[in-house]
């Protein structure tokens, strides 16, 4: 369905683009003949001036501000936003992206960092919003590639999505801890660069994330919010729902606390349950296209959880059993989770990925082998010459 994007707040009053075009002032001699004091430039006709004035007016009103000073976008202008998806191996990231983009394709294994995009038309407008979608493959082993798409040019329109496999709790904590640390580090560096060029933009990023909680939220002083929108998606709920109730409770409460601490949305998802597919699509659509979003909350661990950032609280999540030596609630939840679900070590990347049979290309590999042999013969020949010259 085509949905128009609504702006947040009232735009400043706009003038007609043609107000910028004024007729030349006129003076009258005694013979009543009109003479222009200042004539129009001879190099441009009236239509060229109209086009210039319209472009200036559109540029000036492409962004306005509401009465609170928050920058709001022109609803008639196309908007481009980015979403960066990362998570555990084989957790359903690609399938989720394909469902979001409404593509009937068979998911394939993601190689390193892949890019795609989607577009959405608006009602009563020729404009189309664009969603740039980056997907990180290889689990957490390639988390350093986050530096490629996350730059100061797109940080203001960027959203992060971390996908954890609910059916494999032995990988959940490692996935969350590694990716959140990588995101925090990169975002911190990019915002520092942004402050040099545009301090107001950097401050606005932080203010918008804090605004989800509001000044009256009871946990506002203990949160460690990442200043870029973050979503934690728990995949394969169709398998997770068959887990023992106590295990589901520990996993859900831990995920709720981590999401709450870092200012993230939390949503359970399954590609085999159409209702959850639609809910996840709605959430992702809101992130990149700013479509309407249901604010209903599901916190029951026996149901597919759905909690937007700012809608949870430590008092509702509860406290984990106190652990000796733990210095924070996060550390207590970590110890509880690890004692219940020991984490499997992440599979190391091969030293030379070109030798991985999964990426074999017969023609390329044959030529590569020939070049390697030639290089080895050349190296040995050079060593013999050096030995002979030294004698």
Protein backbone atom coordinates (compact mmCIF):
# COMPACT_ATOMS: atom_id res chain seq x y z
CA UNK A 1 0.00 0.00 0.00
CA UNK A 2 1.17 3.51 -0.71
CA UNK A 3 1.36 5.61 2.40
CA UNK A 4 2.34 9.25 2.60
CA UNK A 5 4.98 10.27 5.08
CA UNK A 6 3.76 12.65 7.78
CA UNK A 7 6.04 15.38 9.09
CA UNK A 8 6.44 15.91 12.82
CA UNK A 9 5.51 19.43 13.81
CA UNK A 10 4.35 22.47 11.90
CA UNK A 11 6.42 23.76 9.05
CA UNK A 12 7.37 27.39 8.97
CA UNK A 13 5.20 29.49 6.72
CA UNK A 14 6.18 29.22 3.07
CA UNK A 15 6.09 31.91 0.43
CA UNK A 16 5.40 31.36 -3.22
CA UNK A 17 8.58 30.52 -5.13
CA UNK A 18 7.75 33.35 -7.47
CA UNK A 19 7.75 35.96 -4.70
CA UNK A 20 11.48 36.16 -5.22
CA UNK A 21 10.87 37.62 -8.70
CA UNK A 22 10.08 41.32 -8.51
CA UNK A 23 9.40 43.63 -11.46
CA UNK A 24 11.99 46.33 -12.04
CA UNK A 25 11.30 49.68 -10.45
CA UNK A 26 10.00 52.28 -12.90
CA UNK A 27 10.47 56.08 -13.16
CA UNK A 28 8.45 58.44 -15.31
CA UNK A 29 9.73 61.42 -17.25
CA UNK A 30 7.63 64.38 -18.12
CA UNK A 31 6.68 62.72 -21.37
CA UNK A 32 5.15 59.87 -19.36
CA UNK A 33 7.51 57.34 -20.90
CA UNK A 34 8.52 54.58 -18.54
CA UNK A 35 12.18 53.83 -18.04
CA UNK A 36 13.49 51.02 -15.87
CA UNK A 37 15.93 52.07 -13.19
CA UNK A 38 17.40 48.54 -13.06
CA UNK A 39 16.90 46.23 -15.98
CA UNK A 40 16.83 42.42 -15.93
CA UNK A 41 20.10 40.68 -16.79
CA UNK A 42 20.41 40.36 -20.52
CA UNK A 43 21.93 36.88 -20.33
CA UNK A 44 18.78 35.20 -18.87
CA UNK A 45 15.16 35.33 -19.83
CA UNK A 46 12.19 35.42 -17.47
CA UNK A 47 11.71 31.64 -17.50
CA UNK A 48 15.30 30.98 -16.47
CA UNK A 49 14.85 33.42 -13.61
CA UNK A 50 11.63 31.62 -12.59
CA UNK A 51 13.46 28.31 -12.49
CA UNK A 52 16.27 29.78 -10.40
CA UNK A 53 13.82 31.35 -7.96
CA UNK A 54 11.89 28.10 -7.60
CA UNK A 55 15.08 26.14 -6.91
CA UNK A 56 16.15 28.68 -4.28
CA UNK A 57 12.75 28.54 -2.60
CA UNK A 58 12.69 24.73 -2.61
CA UNK A 59 16.16 24.64 -1.09
CA UNK A 60 15.21 27.13 1.58
CA UNK A 61 12.08 25.24 2.57
CA UNK A 62 13.35 21.68 2.16
CA UNK A 63 13.82 21.73 5.90
CA UNK A 64 11.98 23.82 8.42
CA UNK A 65 11.49 23.72 12.14
CA UNK A 66 8.54 23.38 14.42
CA UNK A 67 7.96 25.59 17.45
CA UNK A 68 10.23 23.38 19.57
CA UNK A 69 13.17 23.91 17.23
CA UNK A 70 13.18 20.32 15.97
CA UNK A 71 14.09 20.08 12.30
CA UNK A 72 11.29 18.57 10.22
CA UNK A 73 11.41 17.41 6.64
CA UNK A 74 9.43 18.77 3.75
CA UNK A 75 6.67 16.18 3.15
CA UNK A 76 6.87 16.81 -0.61
CA UNK A 77 10.56 16.03 -0.88
CA UNK A 78 12.03 12.54 -1.38
CA UNK A 79 13.88 11.18 1.64
CA UNK A 80 16.72 8.68 1.71
CA UNK A 81 17.47 6.64 4.83
CA UNK A 82 19.79 3.74 5.55
CA UNK A 83 19.46 0.58 7.58
CA UNK A 84 22.40 -1.58 8.66
CA UNK A 85 21.51 -5.20 9.46
CA UNK A 86 23.91 -7.48 11.34
CA UNK A 87 23.59 -10.57 13.49
CA UNK A 88 24.44 -14.19 14.04
CA UNK A 89 25.17 -16.54 11.15
CA UNK A 90 22.12 -18.16 9.59
CA UNK A 91 19.81 -16.15 11.82
CA UNK A 92 17.44 -15.17 9.00
CA UNK A 93 18.77 -11.69 8.20
CA UNK A 94 18.54 -12.05 4.42
CA UNK A 95 15.09 -13.62 4.54
CA UNK A 96 13.83 -10.80 6.73
CA UNK A 97 15.22 -8.18 4.33
CA UNK A 98 13.61 -9.90 1.35
CA UNK A 99 10.25 -10.00 3.12
CA UNK A 100 10.57 -6.33 4.03
CA UNK A 101 11.34 -5.40 0.40
CA UNK A 102 8.53 -7.69 -0.76
CA UNK A 103 10.83 -9.73 -2.99
CA UNK A 104 9.96 -13.31 -3.83
CA UNK A 105 13.51 -14.66 -3.85
CA UNK A 106 15.28 -17.57 -2.23
CA UNK A 107 17.67 -16.29 0.48
CA UNK A 108 21.36 -16.88 -0.21
CA UNK A 109 24.30 -16.81 2.15
CA UNK A 110 25.64 -13.26 2.56
CA UNK A 111 29.27 -12.74 1.59
CA UNK A 112 30.94 -10.11 3.78
CA UNK A 113 28.98 -6.86 3.25
CA UNK A 114 26.13 -6.64 0.76
CA UNK A 115 23.94 -3.76 -0.36
CA UNK A 116 20.44 -3.45 -1.79
CA UNK A 117 17.72 -0.82 -1.77
CA UNK A 118 13.99 -0.32 -1.83
CA UNK A 119 11.71 2.53 -2.88
CA UNK A 120 8.29 3.61 -1.72
CA UNK A 121 5.91 5.95 -3.55
CA UNK A 122 3.92 8.59 -1.72
CA UNK A 123 0.26 9.45 -2.08
CA UNK A 124 -0.51 12.40 -4.35
CA UNK A 125 3.15 12.85 -5.17
CA UNK A 126 5.68 11.82 -7.77
CA UNK A 127 8.32 11.59 -5.02
CA UNK A 128 9.72 8.24 -3.93
CA UNK A 129 11.50 7.61 -0.64
CA UNK A 130 14.57 5.37 -0.81
CA UNK A 131 15.78 2.84 1.75
CA UNK A 132 19.44 1.86 1.50
CA UNK A 133 19.90 -1.58 3.08
CA UNK A 134 23.31 -2.88 4.16
CA UNK A 135 23.68 -6.45 5.40
CA UNK A 136 26.74 -7.77 7.24
CA UNK A 137 27.45 -11.47 6.75
CA UNK A 138 29.75 -13.82 8.59
CA UNK A 139 28.27 -13.31 12.05
CA UNK A 140 30.37 -11.06 14.28
CA UNK A 141 33.72 -12.00 12.73
CA UNK A 142 33.47 -9.16 10.19
CA UNK A 143 32.09 -6.49 12.52
CA UNK A 144 34.95 -4.17 11.55
CA UNK A 145 33.23 -3.72 8.16
CA UNK A 146 30.70 -1.51 9.91
CA UNK A 147 33.06 1.36 9.09
CA UNK A 148 32.21 1.13 5.37
CA UNK A 149 28.58 2.35 5.33
CA UNK A 150 28.55 4.24 8.64
CA UNK A 151 29.89 7.71 7.89
CA UNK A 152 29.10 11.25 8.95
CA UNK A 153 27.27 11.79 5.64
CA UNK A 154 24.56 9.25 6.52
CA UNK A 155 24.65 9.02 10.33
CA UNK A 156 21.63 11.33 10.67
CA UNK A 157 19.44 8.98 8.61
CA UNK A 158 20.91 5.66 9.75
CA UNK A 159 19.22 2.82 11.66
CA UNK A 160 20.87 -0.29 13.11
CA UNK A 161 19.20 -3.69 13.34
CA UNK A 162 20.80 -6.56 15.29
CA UNK A 163 19.30 -9.99 14.61
CA UNK A 164 19.71 -12.66 17.30
CA UNK A 165 18.73 -16.29 16.78
CA UNK A 166 16.24 -17.14 19.53
CA UNK A 167 16.58 -20.84 18.74
CA UNK A 168 20.32 -20.70 19.56
CA UNK A 169 20.66 -18.93 22.93
CA UNK A 170 24.28 -20.12 23.07
CA UNK A 171 25.09 -17.42 20.49
CA UNK A 172 22.84 -14.57 21.67
CA UNK A 173 25.08 -12.86 24.22
CA UNK A 174 28.20 -13.05 22.04
CA UNK A 175 26.27 -11.56 19.13
CA UNK A 176 24.81 -8.72 21.18
CA UNK A 177 27.96 -7.85 23.09
CA UNK A 178 30.24 -7.83 20.03
CA UNK A 179 27.95 -5.92 17.69
CA UNK A 180 26.79 -3.34 20.24
CA UNK A 181 30.43 -2.63 21.13
CA UNK A 182 31.32 -2.22 17.44
CA UNK A 183 28.31 0.04 16.81
CA UNK A 184 29.04 2.21 19.86
CA UNK A 185 32.67 2.63 18.89
CA UNK A 186 31.93 3.56 15.29
CA UNK A 187 29.02 5.87 16.13
CA UNK A 188 31.11 7.65 18.75
CA UNK A 189 33.87 8.30 16.23
CA UNK A 190 31.50 9.48 13.50
CA UNK A 191 29.61 11.82 15.84
CA UNK A 192 32.91 13.30 16.95
CA UNK A 193 33.69 14.03 13.28
CA UNK A 194 30.19 15.42 12.77
CA UNK A 195 30.58 17.84 15.69
CA UNK A 196 33.47 19.49 13.89
CA UNK A 197 31.38 20.23 10.79
CA UNK A 198 27.92 20.58 12.35
CA UNK A 199 27.64 20.69 16.16
CA UNK A 200 23.89 21.25 15.95
CA UNK A 201 23.38 18.05 13.91
CA UNK A 202 25.38 15.99 16.41
CA UNK A 203 23.45 17.42 19.35
CA UNK A 204 20.16 16.80 17.55
CA UNK A 205 21.00 13.10 17.13
CA UNK A 206 21.47 12.69 20.86
CA UNK A 207 18.40 14.77 21.71
CA UNK A 208 16.12 12.77 19.41
CA UNK A 209 17.15 9.45 20.98
CA UNK A 210 16.71 10.77 24.51
CA UNK A 211 13.30 12.18 23.55
CA UNK A 212 11.92 8.65 23.20
CA UNK A 213 12.20 8.27 26.96
CA UNK A 214 11.28 11.77 28.02
CA UNK A 215 12.34 13.70 31.12
CA UNK A 216 9.84 11.85 33.34
CA UNK A 217 11.04 8.31 32.64
CA UNK A 218 12.12 6.69 35.94
CA UNK A 219 15.26 5.13 34.40
CA UNK A 220 16.53 8.14 32.46
CA UNK A 221 19.62 8.51 34.68
CA UNK A 222 20.81 4.90 34.44
CA UNK A 223 20.45 4.34 30.71
CA UNK A 224 23.35 4.18 28.25
CA UNK A 225 21.49 5.10 25.06
CA UNK A 226 23.26 4.75 21.71
CA UNK A 227 22.56 8.03 19.87
CA UNK A 228 21.42 6.27 16.69
CA UNK A 229 18.14 4.29 16.39
CA UNK A 230 18.75 0.64 17.26
CA UNK A 231 16.45 -2.39 16.93
CA UNK A 232 17.00 -5.89 18.32
CA UNK A 233 15.11 -8.53 16.31
CA UNK A 234 14.74 -12.00 17.79
CA UNK A 235 14.34 -14.41 14.87
CA UNK A 236 12.97 -17.96 14.60
CA UNK A 237 10.25 -17.46 17.17
CA UNK A 238 8.47 -20.50 15.72
CA UNK A 239 11.22 -22.66 17.30
CA UNK A 240 11.69 -20.52 20.39
CA UNK A 241 8.04 -20.87 21.43
CA UNK A 242 8.63 -24.56 22.09
CA UNK A 243 11.39 -23.90 24.63
CA UNK A 244 10.93 -24.57 28.32
CA UNK A 245 9.06 -21.68 29.97
CA UNK A 246 11.90 -20.85 32.38
CA UNK A 247 14.43 -20.65 29.55
CA UNK A 248 12.16 -18.34 27.56
CA UNK A 249 11.75 -16.17 30.64
CA UNK A 250 15.50 -15.77 31.17
CA UNK A 251 16.16 -15.02 27.50
CA UNK A 252 13.30 -12.55 27.20
CA UNK A 253 14.06 -10.65 30.40
CA UNK A 254 17.74 -10.40 29.45
CA UNK A 255 16.92 -9.11 25.98
CA UNK A 256 14.44 -6.64 27.45
CA UNK A 257 17.07 -5.22 29.79
CA UNK A 258 19.75 -4.94 27.09
CA UNK A 259 17.30 -3.27 24.69
CA UNK A 260 16.09 -0.91 27.41
CA UNK A 261 19.62 0.00 28.51
CA UNK A 262 20.80 0.96 25.03
CA UNK A 263 17.57 2.59 23.84
CA UNK A 264 16.56 -0.12 21.36
CA UNK A 265 13.28 -1.51 20.08
CA UNK A 266 12.77 -5.23 20.78
CA UNK A 267 10.71 -7.39 18.43
CA UNK A 268 10.36 -11.17 18.04
CA UNK A 269 10.05 -12.43 14.49
CA UNK A 270 9.55 -15.59 12.45
CA UNK A 271 9.52 -15.91 8.68
CA UNK A 272 7.06 -18.80 9.08
CA UNK A 273 4.44 -16.80 11.01
CA UNK A 274 2.74 -14.27 8.78
CA UNK A 275 1.46 -12.09 11.61
CA UNK A 276 4.99 -11.63 12.94
CA UNK A 277 6.28 -10.98 9.43
CA UNK A 278 3.81 -8.13 9.00
CA UNK A 279 4.71 -6.69 12.39
CA UNK A 280 8.44 -6.76 11.63
CA UNK A 281 7.82 -5.20 8.20
CA UNK A 282 5.80 -2.45 9.84
CA UNK A 283 8.63 -1.72 12.28
CA UNK A 284 11.29 -1.61 9.56
CA UNK A 285 8.99 0.49 7.39
CA UNK A 286 8.69 2.99 10.21
CA UNK A 287 12.46 3.16 10.61
CA UNK A 288 13.22 3.96 6.97
CA UNK A 289 9.97 5.39 5.59
CA UNK A 290 8.49 6.90 8.79
CA UNK A 291 5.18 5.12 8.28
CA UNK A 292 2.61 4.84 11.05
CA UNK A 293 3.59 2.40 13.78
CA UNK A 294 1.53 0.53 16.35
CA UNK A 295 2.61 1.37 19.89
CA UNK A 296 0.97 -1.66 21.48
CA UNK A 297 3.34 -3.48 23.83
CA UNK A 298 3.78 -7.22 24.46
CA UNK A 299 6.06 -8.07 27.40
CA UNK A 300 4.81 -11.57 28.28
CA UNK A 301 7.64 -14.08 27.72
CA UNK A 302 5.08 -16.69 26.62
CA UNK A 303 4.13 -14.50 23.64
CA UNK A 304 6.09 -12.86 20.78
CA UNK A 305 7.56 -9.82 22.52
CA UNK A 306 7.17 -6.35 21.02
CA UNK A 307 8.44 -3.32 22.95
CA UNK A 308 9.34 0.04 21.44
CA UNK A 309 12.20 2.10 22.86
CA UNK A 310 11.10 4.06 25.90
CA UNK A 311 8.11 1.80 26.63
CA UNK A 312 9.84 -0.48 29.15
CA UNK A 313 11.26 0.04 32.64
CA UNK A 314 13.60 -1.76 35.02
CA UNK A 315 10.76 -2.05 37.55
CA UNK A 316 8.71 -3.97 34.95
CA UNK A 317 11.58 -6.18 33.79
CA UNK A 318 12.57 -7.16 37.32
CA UNK A 319 16.01 -7.83 38.76
CA UNK A 320 18.19 -10.90 38.23
CA UNK A 321 19.49 -12.89 41.20
CA UNK A 322 22.34 -10.93 42.74
CA UNK A 323 25.75 -12.26 41.72
CA UNK A 324 28.79 -11.91 43.96
CA UNK A 325 31.26 -9.51 42.42
CA UNK A 326 28.80 -8.01 39.94
CA UNK A 327 29.01 -4.25 39.86
CA UNK A 328 26.04 -3.39 37.67
CA UNK A 329 22.65 -4.68 36.58
CA UNK A 330 24.09 -5.41 33.14
CA UNK A 331 26.80 -7.54 34.68
CA UNK A 332 24.23 -9.40 36.76
CA UNK A 333 22.08 -10.15 33.72
CA UNK A 334 25.18 -11.26 31.83
CA UNK A 335 26.23 -13.68 34.57
CA UNK A 336 22.72 -15.11 34.79
CA UNK A 337 22.50 -15.57 31.04
CA UNK A 338 25.96 -17.14 30.68
CA UNK A 339 25.37 -19.52 33.56
CA UNK A 340 22.14 -20.66 31.91
CA UNK A 341 23.41 -20.66 28.32
CA UNK A 342 27.21 -21.03 27.97
CA UNK A 343 28.28 -19.30 24.77
CA UNK A 344 29.86 -21.14 21.88
CA UNK A 345 33.04 -19.57 20.51
CA UNK A 346 32.60 -17.77 17.22
CA UNK A 347 34.10 -19.72 14.31
CA UNK A 348 37.30 -18.04 13.20
CA UNK A 349 37.61 -16.73 9.68
CA UNK A 350 40.14 -18.62 7.50
CA UNK A 351 43.52 -16.91 7.18
CA UNK A 352 43.13 -16.94 3.40
CA UNK A 353 39.44 -16.78 2.37
CA UNK A 354 40.47 -17.36 -1.25
CA UNK A 355 41.21 -20.98 -0.31
CA UNK A 356 37.78 -21.53 1.21
CA UNK A 357 35.95 -24.07 -0.96
CA UNK A 358 32.67 -22.26 -0.30
CA UNK A 359 33.87 -19.45 -2.56
CA UNK A 360 35.48 -21.61 -5.26
CA UNK A 361 35.53 -20.31 -8.84
CA UNK A 362 37.20 -22.92 -11.12
CA UNK A 363 38.30 -20.51 -13.86
CA UNK A 364 39.57 -17.87 -11.46
CA UNK A 365 41.23 -20.44 -9.20
CA UNK A 366 43.09 -22.02 -12.15
CA UNK A 367 44.52 -18.68 -13.27
CA UNK A 368 45.36 -17.79 -9.68
CA UNK A 369 47.28 -21.07 -9.26
CA UNK A 370 49.28 -20.37 -12.43
CA UNK A 371 50.18 -16.88 -11.24
CA UNK A 372 51.20 -18.22 -7.84
CA UNK A 373 53.56 -20.71 -9.54
CA UNK A 374 55.03 -17.95 -11.72
CA UNK A 375 55.55 -15.76 -8.68
CA UNK A 376 57.26 -18.57 -6.80
CA UNK A 377 59.64 -19.27 -9.74
CA UNK A 378 60.45 -15.55 -9.99
CA UNK A 379 61.14 -15.36 -6.24
CA UNK A 380 63.54 -18.32 -6.39
CA UNK A 381 65.32 -16.86 -9.42
CA UNK A 382 65.83 -13.57 -7.60
CA UNK A 383 67.23 -15.39 -4.56
CA UNK A 384 69.77 -17.24 -6.79
CA UNK A 385 70.90 -13.97 -8.38
CA UNK A 386 71.39 -12.40 -4.96
CA UNK A 387 73.46 -15.35 -3.76
CA UNK A 388 75.61 -15.29 -6.92
CA UNK A 389 76.21 -11.55 -6.68
CA UNK A 390 77.28 -11.93 -3.07
CA UNK A 391 80.02 -14.45 -3.96
